[in-house]
PDB file of N, CA and C in Angstrom:
ATOM      1  N   UNK A   1      12.895 -27.443 -21.898  1.00  0.00           N
ATOM      2  CA  UNK A   1      12.962 -26.403 -20.886  1.00  0.00           C
ATOM      3  C   UNK A   1      11.593 -25.737 -20.744  1.00  0.00           C
ATOM      4  N   UNK A   2      11.138 -25.606 -19.547  1.00  0.00           N
ATOM      5  CA  UNK A   2       9.830 -25.000 -19.284  1.00  0.00           C
ATOM      6  C   UNK A   2       9.940 -23.476 -19.350  1.00  0.00           C
ATOM      7  N   UNK A   3       8.983 -22.851 -20.033  1.00  0.00           N
ATOM      8  CA  UNK A   3       8.965 -21.389 -20.106  1.00  0.00           C
ATOM      9  C   UNK A   3       8.670 -20.805 -18.734  1.00  0.00           C
ATOM     10  N   UNK A   4       9.322 -19.696 -18.408  1.00  0.00           N
ATOM     11  CA  UNK A   4       9.099 -19.026 -17.130  1.00  0.00           C
ATOM     12  C   UNK A   4       8.198 -17.821 -17.365  1.00  0.00           C
ATOM     13  N   UNK A   5       6.938 -17.969 -16.992  1.00  0.00           N
ATOM     14  CA  UNK A   5       5.954 -16.914 -17.199  1.00  0.00           C
ATOM     15  C   UNK A   5       5.797 -16.018 -15.980  1.00  0.00           C
ATOM     16  N   UNK A   6       6.358 -16.416 -14.848  1.00  0.00           N
ATOM     17  CA  UNK A   6       6.130 -15.724 -13.579  1.00  0.00           C
ATOM     18  C   UNK A   6       6.408 -14.226 -13.636  1.00  0.00           C
ATOM     19  N   UNK A   7       7.455 -13.820 -14.343  1.00  0.00           N
ATOM     20  CA  UNK A   7       7.791 -12.399 -14.383  1.00  0.00           C
ATOM     21  C   UNK A   7       6.748 -11.562 -15.121  1.00  0.00           C
ATOM     22  N   UNK A   8       5.870 -12.208 -15.895  1.00  0.00           N
ATOM     23  CA  UNK A   8       4.863 -11.488 -16.667  1.00  0.00           C
ATOM     24  C   UNK A   8       3.479 -11.494 -16.007  1.00  0.00           C
ATOM     25  N   UNK A   9       3.332 -12.316 -14.973  1.00  0.00           N
ATOM     26  CA  UNK A   9       2.012 -12.497 -14.366  1.00  0.00           C
ATOM     27  C   UNK A   9       1.904 -11.770 -13.038  1.00  0.00           C
ATOM     28  N   UNK A  10       0.740 -11.323 -12.663  1.00  0.00           N
ATOM     29  CA  UNK A  10      -0.500 -11.348 -13.442  1.00  0.00           C
ATOM     30  C   UNK A  10      -0.479 -10.294 -14.554  1.00  0.00           C
ATOM     31  N   UNK A  11      -1.202 -10.576 -15.616  1.00  0.00           N
ATOM     32  CA  UNK A  11      -1.318  -9.610 -16.709  1.00  0.00           C
ATOM     33  C   UNK A  11      -2.279  -8.499 -16.300  1.00  0.00           C
ATOM     34  N   UNK A  12      -1.939  -7.278 -16.648  1.00  0.00           N
ATOM     35  CA  UNK A  12      -2.869  -6.174 -16.404  1.00  0.00           C
ATOM     36  C   UNK A  12      -3.951  -6.206 -17.487  1.00  0.00           C
ATOM     37  N   UNK A  13      -5.042  -5.455 -17.303  1.00  0.00           N
ATOM     38  CA  UNK A  13      -6.188  -5.576 -18.214  1.00  0.00           C
ATOM     39  C   UNK A  13      -5.877  -5.366 -19.697  1.00  0.00           C
ATOM     40  N   UNK A  14      -5.153  -4.315 -20.057  1.00  0.00           N
ATOM     41  CA  UNK A  14      -4.927  -4.050 -21.483  1.00  0.00           C
ATOM     42  C   UNK A  14      -4.163  -5.191 -22.161  1.00  0.00           C
ATOM     43  N   UNK A  15      -3.014  -5.618 -21.636  1.00  0.00           N
ATOM     44  CA  UNK A  15      -2.329  -6.742 -22.289  1.00  0.00           C
ATOM     45  C   UNK A  15      -3.166  -8.016 -22.321  1.00  0.00           C
ATOM     46  N   UNK A  16      -3.898  -8.288 -21.255  1.00  0.00           N
ATOM     47  CA  UNK A  16      -4.746  -9.484 -21.230  1.00  0.00           C
ATOM     48  C   UNK A  16      -5.775  -9.432 -22.353  1.00  0.00           C
ATOM     49  N   UNK A  17      -6.458  -8.317 -22.494  1.00  0.00           N
ATOM     50  CA  UNK A  17      -7.466  -8.198 -23.548  1.00  0.00           C
ATOM     51  C   UNK A  17      -6.846  -8.257 -24.941  1.00  0.00           C
ATOM     52  N   UNK A  18      -5.669  -7.677 -25.109  1.00  0.00           N
ATOM     53  CA  UNK A  18      -4.988  -7.726 -26.409  1.00  0.00           C
ATOM     54  C   UNK A  18      -4.627  -9.169 -26.758  1.00  0.00           C
ATOM     55  N   UNK A  19      -4.072  -9.889 -25.799  1.00  0.00           N
ATOM     56  CA  UNK A  19      -3.713 -11.291 -26.056  1.00  0.00           C
ATOM     57  C   UNK A  19      -4.947 -12.137 -26.350  1.00  0.00           C
ATOM     58  N   UNK A  20      -6.024 -11.897 -25.616  1.00  0.00           N
ATOM     59  CA  UNK A  20      -7.271 -12.626 -25.899  1.00  0.00           C
ATOM     60  C   UNK A  20      -7.780 -12.328 -27.305  1.00  0.00           C
ATOM     61  N   UNK A  21      -7.646 -11.082 -27.739  1.00  0.00           N
ATOM     62  CA  UNK A  21      -8.094 -10.704 -29.087  1.00  0.00           C
ATOM     63  C   UNK A  21      -7.263 -11.397 -30.161  1.00  0.00           C
ATOM     64  N   UNK A  22      -6.000 -11.677 -29.856  1.00  0.00           N
ATOM     65  CA  UNK A  22      -5.118 -12.329 -30.827  1.00  0.00           C
ATOM     66  C   UNK A  22      -5.150 -13.852 -30.732  1.00  0.00           C
ATOM     67  N   UNK A  23      -5.837 -14.397 -29.748  1.00  0.00           N
ATOM     68  CA  UNK A  23      -5.849 -15.847 -29.546  1.00  0.00           C
ATOM     69  C   UNK A  23      -6.503 -16.591 -30.700  1.00  0.00           C
ATOM     70  N   UNK A  24      -7.511 -16.003 -31.304  1.00  0.00           N
ATOM     71  CA  UNK A  24      -8.242 -16.692 -32.358  1.00  0.00           C
ATOM     72  C   UNK A  24      -7.655 -16.521 -33.743  1.00  0.00           C
ATOM     73  N   UNK A  25      -7.087 -15.356 -34.014  1.00  0.00           N
ATOM     74  CA  UNK A  25      -6.528 -15.090 -35.341  1.00  0.00           C
ATOM     75  C   UNK A  25      -5.625 -13.864 -35.298  1.00  0.00           C
ATOM     76  N   UNK A  26      -4.817 -13.735 -36.342  1.00  0.00           N
ATOM     77  CA  UNK A  26      -3.964 -12.561 -36.478  1.00  0.00           C
ATOM     78  C   UNK A  26      -4.863 -11.361 -36.763  1.00  0.00           C
ATOM     79  N   UNK A  27      -4.497 -10.200 -36.214  1.00  0.00           N
ATOM     80  CA  UNK A  27      -5.319  -9.002 -36.400  1.00  0.00           C
ATOM     81  C   UNK A  27      -4.434  -7.773 -36.529  1.00  0.00           C
ATOM     82  N   UNK A  28      -4.976  -6.765 -37.207  1.00  0.00           N
ATOM     83  CA  UNK A  28      -4.329  -5.452 -37.240  1.00  0.00           C
ATOM     84  C   UNK A  28      -4.870  -4.642 -36.067  1.00  0.00           C
ATOM     85  N   UNK A  29      -4.297  -3.463 -35.839  1.00  0.00           N
ATOM     86  CA  UNK A  29      -4.646  -2.663 -34.660  1.00  0.00           C
ATOM     87  C   UNK A  29      -6.125  -2.407 -34.491  1.00  0.00           C
ATOM     88  N   UNK A  30      -6.780  -1.920 -35.547  1.00  0.00           N
ATOM     89  CA  UNK A  30      -8.203  -1.624 -35.441  1.00  0.00           C
ATOM     90  C   UNK A  30      -9.000  -2.905 -35.180  1.00  0.00           C
ATOM     91  N   UNK A  31      -8.573  -4.005 -35.796  1.00  0.00           N
ATOM     92  CA  UNK A  31      -9.230  -5.295 -35.562  1.00  0.00           C
ATOM     93  C   UNK A  31      -9.104  -5.739 -34.110  1.00  0.00           C
ATOM     94  N   UNK A  32      -7.948  -5.460 -33.508  1.00  0.00           N
ATOM     95  CA  UNK A  32      -7.754  -5.796 -32.093  1.00  0.00           C
ATOM     96  C   UNK A  32      -8.708  -4.964 -31.243  1.00  0.00           C
ATOM     97  N   UNK A  33      -8.790  -3.663 -31.519  1.00  0.00           N
ATOM     98  CA  UNK A  33      -9.686  -2.796 -30.734  1.00  0.00           C
ATOM     99  C   UNK A  33     -11.130  -3.272 -30.839  1.00  0.00           C
ATOM    100  N   UNK A  34     -11.563  -3.633 -32.026  1.00  0.00           N
ATOM    101  CA  UNK A  34     -12.941  -4.112 -32.220  1.00  0.00           C
ATOM    102  C   UNK A  34     -13.173  -5.437 -31.499  1.00  0.00           C
ATOM    103  N   UNK A  35     -12.196  -6.338 -31.551  1.00  0.00           N
ATOM    104  CA  UNK A  35     -12.355  -7.637 -30.900  1.00  0.00           C
ATOM    105  C   UNK A  35     -12.376  -7.503 -29.381  1.00  0.00           C
ATOM    106  N   UNK A  36     -11.569  -6.615 -28.834  1.00  0.00           N
ATOM    107  CA  UNK A  36     -11.598  -6.365 -27.389  1.00  0.00           C
ATOM    108  C   UNK A  36     -12.984  -5.882 -26.979  1.00  0.00           C
ATOM    109  N   UNK A  37     -13.535  -4.935 -27.727  1.00  0.00           N
ATOM    110  CA  UNK A  37     -14.872  -4.421 -27.413  1.00  0.00           C
ATOM    111  C   UNK A  37     -15.917  -5.522 -27.543  1.00  0.00           C
ATOM    112  N   UNK A  38     -15.791  -6.371 -28.579  1.00  0.00           N
ATOM    113  CA  UNK A  38     -16.755  -7.457 -28.780  1.00  0.00           C
ATOM    114  C   UNK A  38     -16.676  -8.466 -27.645  1.00  0.00           C
ATOM    115  N   UNK A  39     -15.473  -8.910 -27.298  1.00  0.00           N
ATOM    116  CA  UNK A  39     -15.321  -9.925 -26.265  1.00  0.00           C
ATOM    117  C   UNK A  39     -15.783  -9.436 -24.898  1.00  0.00           C
ATOM    118  N   UNK A  40     -15.622  -8.157 -24.658  1.00  0.00           N
ATOM    119  CA  UNK A  40     -16.021  -7.611 -23.351  1.00  0.00           C
ATOM    120  C   UNK A  40     -17.438  -7.044 -23.382  1.00  0.00           C
ATOM    121  N   UNK A  41     -18.147  -7.284 -24.473  1.00  0.00           N
ATOM    122  CA  UNK A  41     -19.504  -6.764 -24.667  1.00  0.00           C
ATOM    123  C   UNK A  41     -19.544  -5.254 -24.451  1.00  0.00           C
ATOM    124  N   UNK A  42     -18.500  -4.570 -24.918  1.00  0.00           N
ATOM    125  CA  UNK A  42     -18.430  -3.113 -24.858  1.00  0.00           C
ATOM    126  C   UNK A  42     -18.030  -2.557 -23.504  1.00  0.00           C
ATOM    127  N   UNK A  43     -17.763  -3.415 -22.534  1.00  0.00           N
ATOM    128  CA  UNK A  43     -17.411  -2.939 -21.185  1.00  0.00           C
ATOM    129  C   UNK A  43     -15.972  -2.474 -21.078  1.00  0.00           C
ATOM    130  N   UNK A  44     -15.114  -2.958 -21.957  1.00  0.00           N
ATOM    131  CA  UNK A  44     -13.703  -2.558 -21.941  1.00  0.00           C
ATOM    132  C   UNK A  44     -13.316  -2.143 -23.353  1.00  0.00           C
ATOM    133  N   UNK A  45     -12.790  -0.963 -23.476  1.00  0.00           N
ATOM    134  CA  UNK A  45     -12.341  -0.473 -24.778  1.00  0.00           C
ATOM    135  C   UNK A  45     -10.903  -0.015 -24.638  1.00  0.00           C
ATOM    136  N   UNK A  46     -10.110  -0.376 -25.604  1.00  0.00           N
ATOM    137  CA  UNK A  46      -8.712   0.026 -25.612  1.00  0.00           C
ATOM    138  C   UNK A  46      -8.529   1.055 -26.735  1.00  0.00           C
ATOM    139  N   UNK A  47      -8.012   2.221 -26.391  1.00  0.00           N
ATOM    140  CA  UNK A  47      -7.775   3.269 -27.382  1.00  0.00           C
ATOM    141  C   UNK A  47      -6.464   3.054 -28.108  1.00  0.00           C
ATOM    142  N   UNK A  48      -6.233   3.809 -29.180  1.00  0.00           N
ATOM    143  CA  UNK A  48      -5.019   3.619 -29.977  1.00  0.00           C
ATOM    144  C   UNK A  48      -3.723   3.801 -29.178  1.00  0.00           C
ATOM    145  N   UNK A  49      -3.655   4.804 -28.317  1.00  0.00           N
ATOM    146  CA  UNK A  49      -2.436   5.029 -27.540  1.00  0.00           C
ATOM    147  C   UNK A  49      -2.111   3.850 -26.647  1.00  0.00           C
ATOM    148  N   UNK A  50      -3.110   3.390 -25.905  1.00  0.00           N
ATOM    149  CA  UNK A  50      -2.934   2.242 -25.021  1.00  0.00           C
ATOM    150  C   UNK A  50      -2.605   0.992 -25.829  1.00  0.00           C
ATOM    151  N   UNK A  51      -3.310   0.798 -26.933  1.00  0.00           N
ATOM    152  CA  UNK A  51      -3.090  -0.383 -27.765  1.00  0.00           C
ATOM    153  C   UNK A  51      -1.657  -0.435 -28.266  1.00  0.00           C
ATOM    154  N   UNK A  52      -1.211   0.631 -28.921  1.00  0.00           N
ATOM    155  CA  UNK A  52       0.108   0.578 -29.553  1.00  0.00           C
ATOM    156  C   UNK A  52       1.251   0.630 -28.547  1.00  0.00           C
ATOM    157  N   UNK A  53       1.076   1.304 -27.421  1.00  0.00           N
ATOM    158  CA  UNK A  53       2.091   1.249 -26.360  1.00  0.00           C
ATOM    159  C   UNK A  53       2.242  -0.184 -25.854  1.00  0.00           C
ATOM    160  N   UNK A  54       1.113  -0.844 -25.618  1.00  0.00           N
ATOM    161  CA  UNK A  54       1.143  -2.218 -25.126  1.00  0.00           C
ATOM    162  C   UNK A  54       1.643  -3.193 -26.186  1.00  0.00           C
ATOM    163  N   UNK A  55       1.238  -2.999 -27.434  1.00  0.00           N
ATOM    164  CA  UNK A  55       1.736  -3.878 -28.497  1.00  0.00           C
ATOM    165  C   UNK A  55       3.250  -3.790 -28.607  1.00  0.00           C
ATOM    166  N   UNK A  56       3.808  -2.583 -28.491  1.00  0.00           N
ATOM    167  CA  UNK A  56       5.259  -2.439 -28.576  1.00  0.00           C
ATOM    168  C   UNK A  56       5.949  -3.190 -27.437  1.00  0.00           C
ATOM    169  N   UNK A  57       5.407  -3.086 -26.240  1.00  0.00           N
ATOM    170  CA  UNK A  57       5.983  -3.825 -25.105  1.00  0.00           C
ATOM    171  C   UNK A  57       5.877  -5.331 -25.329  1.00  0.00           C
ATOM    172  N   UNK A  58       4.717  -5.778 -25.813  1.00  0.00           N
ATOM    173  CA  UNK A  58       4.520  -7.203 -26.062  1.00  0.00           C
ATOM    174  C   UNK A  58       5.440  -7.704 -27.174  1.00  0.00           C
ATOM    175  N   UNK A  59       5.683  -6.886 -28.188  1.00  0.00           N
ATOM    176  CA  UNK A  59       6.638  -7.234 -29.249  1.00  0.00           C
ATOM    177  C   UNK A  59       8.052  -7.340 -28.670  1.00  0.00           C
ATOM    178  N   UNK A  60       8.443  -6.346 -27.881  1.00  0.00           N
ATOM    179  CA  UNK A  60       9.784  -6.327 -27.282  1.00  0.00           C
ATOM    180  C   UNK A  60      10.023  -7.534 -26.381  1.00  0.00           C
ATOM    181  N   UNK A  61       8.975  -8.014 -25.723  1.00  0.00           N
ATOM    182  CA  UNK A  61       9.081  -9.152 -24.804  1.00  0.00           C
ATOM    183  C   UNK A  61       8.953 -10.502 -25.515  1.00  0.00           C
ATOM    184  N   UNK A  62       8.666 -10.490 -26.819  1.00  0.00           N
ATOM    185  CA  UNK A  62       8.524 -11.733 -27.569  1.00  0.00           C
ATOM    186  C   UNK A  62       7.204 -12.442 -27.344  1.00  0.00           C
ATOM    187  N   UNK A  63       6.231 -11.720 -26.815  1.00  0.00           N
ATOM    188  CA  UNK A  63       4.913 -12.298 -26.530  1.00  0.00           C
ATOM    189  C   UNK A  63       4.024 -12.237 -27.772  1.00  0.00           C
ATOM    190  N   UNK A  64       4.215 -11.200 -28.559  1.00  0.00           N
ATOM    191  CA  UNK A  64       3.472 -10.977 -29.798  1.00  0.00           C
ATOM    192  C   UNK A  64       4.491 -10.812 -30.919  1.00  0.00           C
ATOM    193  N   UNK A  65       4.113 -11.220 -32.117  1.00  0.00           N
ATOM    194  CA  UNK A  65       4.956 -11.061 -33.297  1.00  0.00           C
ATOM    195  C   UNK A  65       4.203 -10.246 -34.340  1.00  0.00           C
ATOM    196  N   UNK A  66       4.952  -9.513 -35.125  1.00  0.00           N
ATOM    197  CA  UNK A  66       4.367  -8.784 -36.250  1.00  0.00           C
ATOM    198  C   UNK A  66       4.544  -9.651 -37.482  1.00  0.00           C
ATOM    199  N   UNK A  67       3.582  -9.575 -38.382  1.00  0.00           N
ATOM    200  CA  UNK A  67       3.716 -10.331 -39.623  1.00  0.00           C
ATOM    201  C   UNK A  67       3.268  -9.490 -40.802  1.00  0.00           C
ATOM    202  N   UNK A  68       3.588  -9.961 -41.968  1.00  0.00           N
ATOM    203  CA  UNK A  68       3.282  -9.247 -43.204  1.00  0.00           C
ATOM    204  C   UNK A  68       1.776  -9.219 -43.458  1.00  0.00           C
ATOM    205  N   UNK A  69       1.310  -8.290 -44.312  1.00  0.00           N
ATOM    206  CA  UNK A  69      -0.122  -8.264 -44.667  1.00  0.00           C
ATOM    207  C   UNK A  69      -0.593  -9.622 -45.181  1.00  0.00           C
ATOM    208  N   UNK A  70      -1.880  -9.877 -45.008  1.00  0.00           N
ATOM    209  CA  UNK A  70      -2.449 -11.184 -45.362  1.00  0.00           C
ATOM    210  C   UNK A  70      -2.398 -11.483 -46.853  1.00  0.00           C
ATOM    211  N   UNK A  71      -2.720 -10.485 -47.679  1.00  0.00           N
ATOM    212  CA  UNK A  71      -2.789 -10.739 -49.110  1.00  0.00           C
ATOM    213  C   UNK A  71      -2.305  -9.504 -49.876  1.00  0.00           C
ATOM    214  N   UNK A  72      -2.144  -9.678 -51.162  1.00  0.00           N
ATOM    215  CA  UNK A  72      -1.654  -8.578 -51.999  1.00  0.00           C
ATOM    216  C   UNK A  72      -2.615  -7.391 -51.983  1.00  0.00           C
ATOM    217  N   UNK A  73      -3.892  -7.630 -51.735  1.00  0.00           N
ATOM    218  CA  UNK A  73      -4.888  -6.562 -51.709  1.00  0.00           C
ATOM    219  C   UNK A  73      -4.889  -5.742 -50.431  1.00  0.00           C
ATOM    220  N   UNK A  74      -4.200  -6.223 -49.393  1.00  0.00           N
ATOM    221  CA  UNK A  74      -4.146  -5.497 -48.125  1.00  0.00           C
ATOM    222  C   UNK A  74      -3.291  -4.246 -48.260  1.00  0.00           C
ATOM    223  N   UNK A  75      -3.647  -3.249 -47.494  1.00  0.00           N
ATOM    224  CA  UNK A  75      -2.862  -2.019 -47.428  1.00  0.00           C
ATOM    225  C   UNK A  75      -1.481  -2.371 -46.874  1.00  0.00           C
ATOM    226  N   UNK A  76      -0.408  -2.080 -47.604  1.00  0.00           N
ATOM    227  CA  UNK A  76       0.934  -2.459 -47.136  1.00  0.00           C
ATOM    228  C   UNK A  76       1.349  -1.729 -45.852  1.00  0.00           C
ATOM    229  N   UNK A  77       0.669  -0.653 -45.509  1.00  0.00           N
ATOM    230  CA  UNK A  77       0.984   0.069 -44.274  1.00  0.00           C
ATOM    231  C   UNK A  77       0.361  -0.595 -43.048  1.00  0.00           C
ATOM    232  N   UNK A  78      -0.610  -1.446 -43.276  1.00  0.00           N
ATOM    233  CA  UNK A  78      -1.311  -2.111 -42.170  1.00  0.00           C
ATOM    234  C   UNK A  78      -0.422  -3.206 -41.593  1.00  0.00           C
ATOM    235  N   UNK A  79      -0.250  -3.176 -40.284  1.00  0.00           N
ATOM    236  CA  UNK A  79       0.584  -4.157 -39.592  1.00  0.00           C
ATOM    237  C   UNK A  79      -0.315  -5.166 -38.884  1.00  0.00           C
ATOM    238  N   UNK A  80       0.002  -6.431 -39.064  1.00  0.00           N
ATOM    239  CA  UNK A  80      -0.752  -7.493 -38.419  1.00  0.00           C
ATOM    240  C   UNK A  80       0.071  -8.070 -37.267  1.00  0.00           C
ATOM    241  N   UNK A  81      -0.637  -8.531 -36.244  1.00  0.00           N
ATOM    242  CA  UNK A  81       0.004  -9.067 -35.054  1.00  0.00           C
ATOM    243  C   UNK A  81      -0.557 -10.446 -34.764  1.00  0.00           C
ATOM    244  N   UNK A  82       0.281 -11.288 -34.133  1.00  0.00           N
ATOM    245  CA  UNK A  82      -0.154 -12.620 -33.722  1.00  0.00           C
ATOM    246  C   UNK A  82       0.574 -12.997 -32.440  1.00  0.00           C
ATOM    247  N   UNK A  83       0.007 -13.945 -31.733  1.00  0.00           N
ATOM    248  CA  UNK A  83       0.654 -14.465 -30.535  1.00  0.00           C
ATOM    249  C   UNK A  83       1.862 -15.299 -30.944  1.00  0.00           C
ATOM    250  N   UNK A  84       2.958 -15.139 -30.252  1.00  0.00           N
ATOM    251  CA  UNK A  84       4.093 -16.032 -30.439  1.00  0.00           C
ATOM    252  C   UNK A  84       3.790 -17.327 -29.689  1.00  0.00           C
ATOM    253  N   UNK A  85       4.635 -18.326 -29.859  1.00  0.00           N
ATOM    254  CA  UNK A  85       4.468 -19.568 -29.107  1.00  0.00           C
ATOM    255  C   UNK A  85       4.530 -19.255 -27.608  1.00  0.00           C
ATOM    256  N   UNK A  86       5.486 -18.416 -27.226  1.00  0.00           N
ATOM    257  CA  UNK A  86       5.620 -18.014 -25.831  1.00  0.00           C
ATOM    258  C   UNK A  86       4.365 -17.279 -25.364  1.00  0.00           C
ATOM    259  N   UNK A  87       3.833 -16.374 -26.205  1.00  0.00           N
ATOM    260  CA  UNK A  87       2.635 -15.617 -25.862  1.00  0.00           C
ATOM    261  C   UNK A  87       1.425 -16.501 -25.659  1.00  0.00           C
ATOM    262  N   UNK A  88       1.303 -17.524 -26.478  1.00  0.00           N
ATOM    263  CA  UNK A  88       0.175 -18.465 -26.345  1.00  0.00           C
ATOM    264  C   UNK A  88       0.279 -19.222 -25.019  1.00  0.00           C
ATOM    265  N   UNK A  89       1.488 -19.638 -24.663  1.00  0.00           N
ATOM    266  CA  UNK A  89       1.695 -20.323 -23.382  1.00  0.00           C
ATOM    267  C   UNK A  89       1.438 -19.397 -22.206  1.00  0.00           C
ATOM    268  N   UNK A  90       1.873 -18.147 -22.331  1.00  0.00           N
ATOM    269  CA  UNK A  90       1.636 -17.154 -21.281  1.00  0.00           C
ATOM    270  C   UNK A  90       0.141 -16.932 -21.080  1.00  0.00           C
ATOM    271  N   UNK A  91      -0.597 -16.780 -22.174  1.00  0.00           N
ATOM    272  CA  UNK A  91      -2.041 -16.578 -22.072  1.00  0.00           C
ATOM    273  C   UNK A  91      -2.713 -17.790 -21.436  1.00  0.00           C
ATOM    274  N   UNK A  92      -2.316 -18.988 -21.831  1.00  0.00           N
ATOM    275  CA  UNK A  92      -2.896 -20.201 -21.239  1.00  0.00           C
ATOM    276  C   UNK A  92      -2.618 -20.261 -19.739  1.00  0.00           C
ATOM    277  N   UNK A  93      -1.425 -19.877 -19.333  1.00  0.00           N
ATOM    278  CA  UNK A  93      -1.060 -19.873 -17.919  1.00  0.00           C
ATOM    279  C   UNK A  93      -1.877 -18.844 -17.150  1.00  0.00           C
ATOM    280  N   UNK A  94      -2.080 -17.672 -17.740  1.00  0.00           N
ATOM    281  CA  UNK A  94      -2.881 -16.631 -17.079  1.00  0.00           C
ATOM    282  C   UNK A  94      -4.344 -17.059 -16.965  1.00  0.00           C
ATOM    283  N   UNK A  95      -4.867 -17.700 -17.991  1.00  0.00           N
ATOM    284  CA  UNK A  95      -6.250 -18.181 -17.940  1.00  0.00           C
ATOM    285  C   UNK A  95      -6.409 -19.203 -16.811  1.00  0.00           C
ATOM    286  N   UNK A  96      -5.451 -20.125 -16.692  1.00  0.00           N
ATOM    287  CA  UNK A  96      -5.502 -21.127 -15.610  1.00  0.00           C
ATOM    288  C   UNK A  96      -5.428 -20.445 -14.246  1.00  0.00           C
ATOM    289  N   UNK A  97      -4.582 -19.420 -14.121  1.00  0.00           N
ATOM    290  CA  UNK A  97      -4.473 -18.686 -12.853  1.00  0.00           C
ATOM    291  C   UNK A  97      -5.803 -18.016 -12.508  1.00  0.00           C
ATOM    292  N   UNK A  98      -6.428 -17.387 -13.501  1.00  0.00           N
ATOM    293  CA  UNK A  98      -7.706 -16.702 -13.271  1.00  0.00           C
ATOM    294  C   UNK A  98      -8.821 -17.690 -12.949  1.00  0.00           C
ATOM    295  N   UNK A  99      -8.821 -18.849 -13.599  1.00  0.00           N
ATOM    296  CA  UNK A  99      -9.820 -19.873 -13.282  1.00  0.00           C
ATOM    297  C   UNK A  99      -9.686 -20.324 -11.834  1.00  0.00           C
ATOM    298  N   UNK A 100      -8.462 -20.491 -11.362  1.00  0.00           N
ATOM    299  CA  UNK A 100      -8.236 -20.864  -9.970  1.00  0.00           C
ATOM    300  C   UNK A 100      -8.722 -19.790  -9.016  1.00  0.00           C
ATOM    301  N   UNK A 101      -8.494 -18.552  -9.374  1.00  0.00           N
ATOM    302  CA  UNK A 101      -8.947 -17.426  -8.564  1.00  0.00           C
ATOM    303  C   UNK A 101     -10.474 -17.399  -8.472  1.00  0.00           C
ATOM    304  N   UNK A 102     -11.135 -17.624  -9.595  1.00  0.00           N
ATOM    305  CA  UNK A 102     -12.605 -17.637  -9.611  1.00  0.00           C
ATOM    306  C   UNK A 102     -13.131 -18.813  -8.799  1.00  0.00           C
ATOM    307  N   UNK A 103     -12.502 -19.997  -8.924  1.00  0.00           N
ATOM    308  CA  UNK A 103     -12.921 -21.152  -8.112  1.00  0.00           C
ATOM    309  C   UNK A 103     -12.817 -20.829  -6.625  1.00  0.00           C
ATOM    310  N   UNK A 104     -11.705 -20.237  -6.237  1.00  0.00           N
ATOM    311  CA  UNK A 104     -11.496 -19.878  -4.831  1.00  0.00           C
ATOM    312  C   UNK A 104     -12.536 -18.856  -4.370  1.00  0.00           C
ATOM    313  N   UNK A 105     -12.810 -17.871  -5.206  1.00  0.00           N
ATOM    314  CA  UNK A 105     -13.804 -16.852  -4.855  1.00  0.00           C
ATOM    315  C   UNK A 105     -15.177 -17.477  -4.672  1.00  0.00           C
ATOM    316  N   UNK A 106     -15.542 -18.406  -5.536  1.00  0.00           N
ATOM    317  CA  UNK A 106     -16.849 -19.066  -5.418  1.00  0.00           C
ATOM    318  C   UNK A 106     -16.968 -19.840  -4.116  1.00  0.00           C
ATOM    319  N   UNK A 107     -15.892 -20.441  -3.683  1.00  0.00           N
ATOM    320  CA  UNK A 107     -15.913 -21.175  -2.410  1.00  0.00           C
ATOM    321  C   UNK A 107     -16.188 -20.248  -1.237  1.00  0.00           C
ATOM    322  N   UNK A 108     -15.654 -19.052  -1.303  1.00  0.00           N
ATOM    323  CA  UNK A 108     -15.774 -18.118  -0.189  1.00  0.00           C
ATOM    324  C   UNK A 108     -17.070 -17.333  -0.188  1.00  0.00           C
ATOM    325  N   UNK A 109     -17.621 -17.099  -1.350  1.00  0.00           N
ATOM    326  CA  UNK A 109     -18.876 -16.330  -1.375  1.00  0.00           C
ATOM    327  C   UNK A 109     -20.068 -17.186  -1.764  1.00  0.00           C
ATOM    328  N   UNK A 110     -19.823 -18.470  -1.886  1.00  0.00           N
ATOM    329  CA  UNK A 110     -20.865 -19.455  -2.158  1.00  0.00           C
ATOM    330  C   UNK A 110     -21.711 -19.119  -3.379  1.00  0.00           C
ATOM    331  N   UNK A 111     -21.021 -18.768  -4.460  1.00  0.00           N
ATOM    332  CA  UNK A 111     -21.683 -18.506  -5.739  1.00  0.00           C
ATOM    333  C   UNK A 111     -21.529 -19.742  -6.595  1.00  0.00           C
ATOM    334  N   UNK A 112     -22.591 -20.154  -7.185  1.00  0.00           N
ATOM    335  CA  UNK A 112     -22.566 -21.309  -8.075  1.00  0.00           C
ATOM    336  C   UNK A 112     -22.476 -20.814  -9.508  1.00  0.00           C
ATOM    337  N   UNK A 113     -21.785 -21.585 -10.362  1.00  0.00           N
ATOM    338  CA  UNK A 113     -21.702 -21.195 -11.783  1.00  0.00           C
ATOM    339  C   UNK A 113     -23.105 -21.148 -12.395  1.00  0.00           C
ATOM    340  N   UNK A 114     -23.284 -20.207 -13.304  1.00  0.00           N
ATOM    341  CA  UNK A 114     -24.571 -20.122 -14.010  1.00  0.00           C
ATOM    342  C   UNK A 114     -24.710 -21.290 -14.954  1.00  0.00           C
ATOM    343  N   UNK A 115     -25.911 -21.788 -15.078  1.00  0.00           N
ATOM    344  CA  UNK A 115     -26.159 -22.887 -16.004  1.00  0.00           C
ATOM    345  C   UNK A 115     -26.561 -22.309 -17.347  1.00  0.00           C
ATOM    346  N   UNK A 116     -26.012 -22.919 -18.385  1.00  0.00           N
ATOM    347  CA  UNK A 116     -26.279 -22.423 -19.740  1.00  0.00           C
ATOM    348  C   UNK A 116     -27.644 -22.781 -20.215  1.00  0.00           C
TER     349      UNK A 116
END
């Protein structure tokens, strides 16, 4: 059965950045905030209120999962988050949608991709 992502798309900025921060590894709240700032080169910052409100919604929707601390040395109060299988598929679908949007925009404004 194919997952139905349509009801979740397009993702708004905060959930998109949170999911991108969790794409590489499991993270705790502060780690997510730091990764969002790093990935956006400091242009987008998510505060604790926005982060935890969005994490709760993502948990309720089954997009993100909570997991136990990484090791015995971790603070037991620290909560770690990871993408669920559904969340990973949702993020991949949103990335493909955004890539299509950028391709279309380039056609209309005649912008060529930057060369590395």
